[in-house]
Amino acid sequence: QVQLVESGGGLVQPGGSLRLSCAISVSRFSDYTMGWYRQAPGKQRELVAAINSGGSTNYADSVKGRFTISRVDAKNTVYLQMNSLKPEDTAVYYCNAAALYKIPPHDYWGQGTQVTVSL
């Protein structure tokens, strides 16, 4: 049973920072592209940032320049450093691990962590 354990969410004021962490229990972490998604109330889940095994990253336009995704393969962990947070960043943030080329495809999700940006 693969588990993704997220941590680091919470309440922060606008302009503040948070760092999310996600640890995954798989034997070959380097096989996976890791991503952070978020879902705000009444909205669809959206990709925030992703990083592949080679370290290439991509970001949603709304977070470019403010958020940084990184991974430490030796710790089976992915991070999301969030700076200059805005109220519109408020959402439940989900960690994802994907290796869709595998047979069967691997696609795992964390339980989500709440991020609230408010005064």
N, C-alpha and C. Protein backbone atom coordinates (compact mmCIF):
# COMPACT_ATOMS: atom_id res chain seq x y z
N GLN A 1 0.86 -1.19 0.00
CA GLN A 1 0.00 0.00 0.00
C GLN A 1 0.89 1.25 0.00
N VAL A 2 0.81 2.01 -1.07
CA VAL A 2 1.60 3.23 -1.18
C VAL A 2 0.93 4.34 -0.38
N GLN A 3 1.72 5.04 0.40
CA GLN A 3 1.19 6.16 1.19
C GLN A 3 1.96 7.43 0.86
N LEU A 4 1.22 8.53 0.76
CA LEU A 4 1.80 9.86 0.62
C LEU A 4 1.38 10.64 1.86
N VAL A 5 2.35 11.14 2.59
CA VAL A 5 2.07 11.87 3.83
C VAL A 5 2.50 13.32 3.65
N GLU A 6 1.50 14.19 3.68
CA GLU A 6 1.74 15.62 3.48
C GLU A 6 1.79 16.33 4.82
N SER A 7 2.54 17.42 4.85
CA SER A 7 2.59 18.25 6.04
C SER A 7 2.97 19.66 5.64
N GLY A 8 2.74 20.60 6.56
CA GLY A 8 3.19 21.97 6.35
C GLY A 8 2.11 22.98 6.07
N GLY A 9 0.87 22.54 5.93
CA GLY A 9 -0.19 23.50 5.69
C GLY A 9 -0.51 24.30 6.94
N GLY A 10 -1.37 25.29 6.77
CA GLY A 10 -1.78 26.09 7.91
C GLY A 10 -2.35 27.43 7.51
N LEU A 11 -2.43 28.31 8.49
CA LEU A 11 -2.96 29.66 8.29
C LEU A 11 -1.79 30.63 8.24
N VAL A 12 -1.79 31.48 7.24
CA VAL A 12 -0.71 32.46 7.08
C VAL A 12 -1.31 33.76 6.56
N GLN A 13 -0.68 34.86 6.92
CA GLN A 13 -1.15 36.16 6.44
C GLN A 13 -0.69 36.40 5.01
N PRO A 14 -1.40 37.23 4.29
CA PRO A 14 -0.95 37.59 2.93
C PRO A 14 0.49 38.11 2.95
N GLY A 15 1.25 37.66 1.97
CA GLY A 15 2.66 38.01 1.91
C GLY A 15 3.57 37.05 2.64
N GLY A 16 2.99 36.15 3.40
CA GLY A 16 3.77 35.19 4.17
C GLY A 16 4.21 33.99 3.34
N SER A 17 4.85 33.05 4.03
CA SER A 17 5.41 31.87 3.37
C SER A 17 5.02 30.60 4.12
N LEU A 18 4.95 29.53 3.37
CA LEU A 18 4.77 28.19 3.92
C LEU A 18 5.58 27.22 3.08
N ARG A 19 5.99 26.10 3.70
CA ARG A 19 6.62 25.04 2.94
C ARG A 19 5.86 23.75 3.18
N LEU A 20 5.36 23.18 2.10
CA LEU A 20 4.69 21.89 2.16
C LEU A 20 5.69 20.78 1.88
N SER A 21 5.48 19.65 2.56
CA SER A 21 6.31 18.47 2.35
C SER A 21 5.41 17.28 2.05
N CYS A 22 5.93 16.36 1.27
CA CYS A 22 5.19 15.14 0.95
C CYS A 22 6.19 13.99 0.87
N ALA A 23 6.03 13.03 1.75
CA ALA A 23 6.87 11.85 1.74
C ALA A 23 6.07 10.67 1.23
N ILE A 24 6.69 9.88 0.36
CA ILE A 24 5.99 8.77 -0.27
C ILE A 24 6.72 7.46 0.00
N SER A 25 5.93 6.42 0.25
CA SER A 25 6.50 5.11 0.57
C SER A 25 6.55 4.23 -0.68
N VAL A 26 7.51 4.49 -1.54
CA VAL A 26 7.74 3.64 -2.71
C VAL A 26 9.21 3.25 -2.74
N SER A 27 9.48 2.16 -3.44
CA SER A 27 10.86 1.67 -3.46
C SER A 27 11.75 2.43 -4.43
N ARG A 28 11.16 2.97 -5.50
CA ARG A 28 11.94 3.69 -6.51
C ARG A 28 11.33 5.06 -6.74
N PHE A 29 11.60 5.97 -5.83
CA PHE A 29 11.05 7.33 -5.91
C PHE A 29 11.42 8.02 -7.21
N SER A 30 12.59 7.70 -7.72
CA SER A 30 13.06 8.37 -8.93
C SER A 30 12.25 8.00 -10.16
N ASP A 31 11.41 6.98 -10.07
CA ASP A 31 10.55 6.61 -11.19
C ASP A 31 9.39 7.58 -11.39
N TYR A 32 9.13 8.42 -10.38
CA TYR A 32 7.90 9.19 -10.34
C TYR A 32 8.10 10.67 -10.64
N THR A 33 7.17 11.18 -11.43
CA THR A 33 6.99 12.63 -11.51
C THR A 33 6.12 13.04 -10.34
N MET A 34 6.58 14.04 -9.61
CA MET A 34 5.86 14.49 -8.42
C MET A 34 5.19 15.83 -8.71
N GLY A 35 3.98 15.96 -8.21
CA GLY A 35 3.26 17.20 -8.43
C GLY A 35 2.49 17.65 -7.21
N TRP A 36 2.23 18.94 -7.19
CA TRP A 36 1.33 19.53 -6.20
C TRP A 36 0.13 20.10 -6.95
N TYR A 37 -1.04 19.75 -6.48
CA TYR A 37 -2.29 20.26 -7.02
C TYR A 37 -3.02 20.98 -5.89
N ARG A 38 -4.00 21.78 -6.27
CA ARG A 38 -4.82 22.41 -5.24
C ARG A 38 -6.26 22.50 -5.71
N GLN A 39 -7.14 22.55 -4.72
CA GLN A 39 -8.56 22.67 -5.02
C GLN A 39 -9.18 23.64 -4.03
N ALA A 40 -9.69 24.72 -4.55
CA ALA A 40 -10.39 25.71 -3.74
C ALA A 40 -11.88 25.38 -3.73
N PRO A 41 -12.62 25.83 -2.74
CA PRO A 41 -14.05 25.54 -2.68
C PRO A 41 -14.77 25.98 -3.95
N GLY A 42 -15.55 25.08 -4.51
CA GLY A 42 -16.32 25.39 -5.70
C GLY A 42 -15.54 25.41 -6.99
N LYS A 43 -14.26 25.04 -6.92
CA LYS A 43 -13.43 25.05 -8.12
C LYS A 43 -12.87 23.65 -8.39
N GLN A 44 -12.40 23.46 -9.62
CA GLN A 44 -11.78 22.19 -9.97
C GLN A 44 -10.35 22.13 -9.45
N ARG A 45 -9.90 20.91 -9.27
CA ARG A 45 -8.51 20.71 -8.87
C ARG A 45 -7.60 21.16 -10.02
N GLU A 46 -6.54 21.87 -9.67
CA GLU A 46 -5.63 22.37 -10.69
C GLU A 46 -4.18 22.04 -10.32
N LEU A 47 -3.36 21.89 -11.36
CA LEU A 47 -1.94 21.67 -11.15
C LEU A 47 -1.29 22.97 -10.70
N VAL A 48 -0.50 22.88 -9.63
CA VAL A 48 0.26 24.03 -9.15
C VAL A 48 1.69 23.97 -9.66
N ALA A 49 2.32 22.80 -9.47
CA ALA A 49 3.71 22.64 -9.89
C ALA A 49 4.02 21.16 -10.00
N ALA A 50 4.99 20.83 -10.84
CA ALA A 50 5.41 19.44 -11.01
C ALA A 50 6.91 19.40 -11.25
N ILE A 51 7.50 18.26 -10.88
CA ILE A 51 8.93 18.07 -11.09
C ILE A 51 9.16 16.61 -11.48
N ASN A 52 9.92 16.39 -12.55
CA ASN A 52 10.15 15.02 -12.98
C ASN A 52 11.45 14.49 -12.38
N SER A 53 11.78 13.27 -12.74
CA SER A 53 12.94 12.62 -12.12
C SER A 53 14.24 13.31 -12.51
N GLY A 54 14.23 14.01 -13.63
CA GLY A 54 15.42 14.73 -14.05
C GLY A 54 15.55 16.11 -13.45
N GLY A 55 14.54 16.52 -12.70
CA GLY A 55 14.56 17.83 -12.06
C GLY A 55 13.91 18.94 -12.87
N SER A 56 13.35 18.62 -14.02
CA SER A 56 12.63 19.63 -14.80
C SER A 56 11.32 19.96 -14.12
N THR A 57 11.00 21.25 -14.12
CA THR A 57 9.82 21.71 -13.40
C THR A 57 8.87 22.46 -14.32
N ASN A 58 7.61 22.50 -13.93
CA ASN A 58 6.67 23.40 -14.57
C ASN A 58 5.69 23.91 -13.52
N TYR A 59 5.19 25.11 -13.76
CA TYR A 59 4.36 25.81 -12.78
C TYR A 59 3.13 26.39 -13.45
N ALA A 60 2.08 26.49 -12.66
CA ALA A 60 0.93 27.26 -13.10
C ALA A 60 1.34 28.73 -13.21
N ASP A 61 0.78 29.42 -14.18
CA ASP A 61 1.13 30.82 -14.36
C ASP A 61 0.88 31.64 -13.10
N SER A 62 -0.14 31.28 -12.36
CA SER A 62 -0.52 32.07 -11.18
C SER A 62 0.49 31.99 -10.04
N VAL A 63 1.40 31.01 -10.09
CA VAL A 63 2.36 30.85 -8.98
C VAL A 63 3.80 31.05 -9.42
N LYS A 64 4.02 31.25 -10.71
CA LYS A 64 5.40 31.43 -11.20
C LYS A 64 6.06 32.61 -10.50
N GLY A 65 7.29 32.37 -10.07
CA GLY A 65 8.04 33.42 -9.38
C GLY A 65 7.77 33.47 -7.89
N ARG A 66 6.77 32.76 -7.43
CA ARG A 66 6.42 32.78 -5.99
C ARG A 66 6.61 31.41 -5.34
N PHE A 67 6.32 30.35 -6.10
CA PHE A 67 6.40 28.99 -5.56
C PHE A 67 7.59 28.26 -6.20
N THR A 68 8.18 27.36 -5.41
CA THR A 68 9.28 26.54 -5.92
C THR A 68 9.07 25.10 -5.49
N ILE A 69 9.08 24.20 -6.47
CA ILE A 69 8.98 22.78 -6.18
C ILE A 69 10.37 22.17 -6.23
N SER A 70 10.63 21.23 -5.32
CA SER A 70 11.92 20.55 -5.30
C SER A 70 11.71 19.13 -4.77
N ARG A 71 12.71 18.30 -5.00
CA ARG A 71 12.63 16.93 -4.53
C ARG A 71 13.99 16.48 -4.00
N VAL A 72 13.93 15.60 -3.00
CA VAL A 72 15.14 14.98 -2.47
C VAL A 72 14.93 13.48 -2.57
N ASP A 73 15.52 12.88 -3.59
CA ASP A 73 15.26 11.47 -3.86
C ASP A 73 15.73 10.58 -2.71
N ALA A 74 16.79 10.97 -2.03
CA ALA A 74 17.28 10.15 -0.91
C ALA A 74 16.30 10.09 0.25
N LYS A 75 15.36 11.05 0.27
CA LYS A 75 14.36 11.08 1.34
C LYS A 75 12.96 10.74 0.85
N ASN A 76 12.85 10.40 -0.44
CA ASN A 76 11.52 10.11 -1.01
C ASN A 76 10.55 11.24 -0.72
N THR A 77 11.01 12.46 -0.86
CA THR A 77 10.22 13.61 -0.44
C THR A 77 10.22 14.70 -1.51
N VAL A 78 9.08 15.33 -1.65
CA VAL A 78 8.94 16.50 -2.52
C VAL A 78 8.47 17.66 -1.66
N TYR A 79 8.92 18.86 -2.03
CA TYR A 79 8.59 20.06 -1.27
C TYR A 79 7.94 21.09 -2.18
N LEU A 80 7.16 21.95 -1.56
CA LEU A 80 6.63 23.12 -2.27
C LEU A 80 6.86 24.33 -1.36
N GLN A 81 7.80 25.16 -1.74
CA GLN A 81 8.05 26.40 -1.02
C GLN A 81 7.15 27.47 -1.61
N MET A 82 6.31 28.04 -0.77
CA MET A 82 5.34 29.03 -1.22
C MET A 82 5.64 30.37 -0.55
N ASN A 83 6.00 31.34 -1.35
CA ASN A 83 6.30 32.69 -0.86
C ASN A 83 5.29 33.69 -1.40
N SER A 84 5.26 34.86 -0.80
CA SER A 84 4.36 35.94 -1.23
C SER A 84 2.94 35.42 -1.42
N LEU A 85 2.47 34.72 -0.43
CA LEU A 85 1.15 34.09 -0.54
C LEU A 85 0.04 35.13 -0.62
N LYS A 86 -0.97 34.77 -1.39
CA LYS A 86 -2.13 35.64 -1.61
C LYS A 86 -3.39 34.93 -1.14
N PRO A 87 -4.43 35.68 -0.82
CA PRO A 87 -5.68 35.03 -0.42
C PRO A 87 -6.19 34.02 -1.45
N GLU A 88 -5.95 34.29 -2.73
CA GLU A 88 -6.42 33.36 -3.76
C GLU A 88 -5.62 32.06 -3.81
N ASP A 89 -4.56 31.95 -3.02
CA ASP A 89 -3.84 30.69 -2.89
C ASP A 89 -4.52 29.75 -1.89
N THR A 90 -5.52 30.24 -1.21
CA THR A 90 -6.24 29.41 -0.24
C THR A 90 -6.89 28.22 -0.93
N ALA A 91 -6.58 27.02 -0.44
CA ALA A 91 -7.08 25.79 -1.05
C ALA A 91 -6.58 24.61 -0.24
N VAL A 92 -7.11 23.46 -0.58
CA VAL A 92 -6.52 22.21 -0.11
C VAL A 92 -5.47 21.80 -1.13
N TYR A 93 -4.27 21.55 -0.66
CA TYR A 93 -3.16 21.18 -1.54
C TYR A 93 -2.92 19.68 -1.45
N TYR A 94 -2.81 19.06 -2.62
CA TYR A 94 -2.64 17.62 -2.71
C TYR A 94 -1.31 17.29 -3.38
N CYS A 95 -0.66 16.30 -2.85
CA CYS A 95 0.56 15.77 -3.44
C CYS A 95 0.19 14.61 -4.37
N ASN A 96 0.87 14.53 -5.50
CA ASN A 96 0.64 13.47 -6.47
C ASN A 96 1.95 12.84 -6.91
N ALA A 97 1.93 11.53 -7.04
CA ALA A 97 3.08 10.80 -7.58
C ALA A 97 2.59 9.99 -8.77
N ALA A 98 3.19 10.22 -9.92
CA ALA A 98 2.72 9.59 -11.14
C ALA A 98 3.87 8.93 -11.90
N ALA A 99 3.59 7.70 -12.31
CA ALA A 99 4.49 6.98 -13.23
C ALA A 99 3.57 6.29 -14.22
N LEU A 100 3.03 7.07 -15.13
CA LEU A 100 1.97 6.60 -16.01
C LEU A 100 2.48 5.64 -17.08
N TYR A 101 3.79 5.58 -17.24
CA TYR A 101 4.35 4.67 -18.24
C TYR A 101 4.40 3.23 -17.72
N LYS A 102 4.23 3.07 -16.43
CA LYS A 102 4.28 1.72 -15.85
C LYS A 102 3.02 0.94 -16.24
N ILE A 103 3.14 -0.36 -16.21
CA ILE A 103 2.00 -1.23 -16.50
C ILE A 103 1.71 -2.06 -15.25
N PRO A 104 0.59 -1.81 -14.57
CA PRO A 104 -0.38 -0.74 -14.82
C PRO A 104 0.17 0.63 -14.43
N PRO A 105 -0.44 1.70 -14.91
CA PRO A 105 0.04 3.04 -14.55
C PRO A 105 -0.06 3.27 -13.05
N HIS A 106 0.91 3.98 -12.51
CA HIS A 106 0.89 4.35 -11.10
C HIS A 106 0.48 5.82 -10.98
N ASP A 107 -0.49 6.06 -10.13
CA ASP A 107 -1.00 7.43 -9.93
C ASP A 107 -1.51 7.51 -8.50
N TYR A 108 -0.74 8.12 -7.62
CA TYR A 108 -1.06 8.12 -6.20
C TYR A 108 -1.28 9.54 -5.70
N TRP A 109 -2.19 9.65 -4.72
CA TRP A 109 -2.56 10.96 -4.16
C TRP A 109 -2.43 10.96 -2.65
N GLY A 110 -2.04 12.11 -2.12
CA GLY A 110 -2.06 12.31 -0.69
C GLY A 110 -3.45 12.69 -0.21
N GLN A 111 -3.59 12.86 1.09
CA GLN A 111 -4.89 13.14 1.68
C GLN A 111 -5.25 14.62 1.62
N GLY A 112 -4.28 15.46 1.32
CA GLY A 112 -4.52 16.90 1.22
C GLY A 112 -4.17 17.62 2.51
N THR A 113 -3.70 18.85 2.33
CA THR A 113 -3.40 19.70 3.49
C THR A 113 -3.95 21.10 3.20
N GLN A 114 -4.61 21.67 4.19
CA GLN A 114 -5.27 22.96 4.00
C GLN A 114 -4.26 24.10 4.13
N VAL A 115 -4.32 24.99 3.16
CA VAL A 115 -3.57 26.25 3.21
C VAL A 115 -4.58 27.38 3.18
N THR A 116 -4.52 28.23 4.19
CA THR A 116 -5.42 29.37 4.27
C THR A 116 -4.60 30.64 4.38
N VAL A 117 -4.85 31.57 3.45
CA VAL A 117 -4.14 32.85 3.45
C VAL A 117 -5.15 33.93 3.78
N SER A 118 -5.01 34.49 4.98
CA SER A 118 -6.00 35.45 5.45
C SER A 118 -5.40 36.30 6.55
N LEU A 119 -5.98 37.49 6.72
CA LEU A 119 -5.54 38.36 7.80
C LEU A 119 -6.05 37.83 9.13
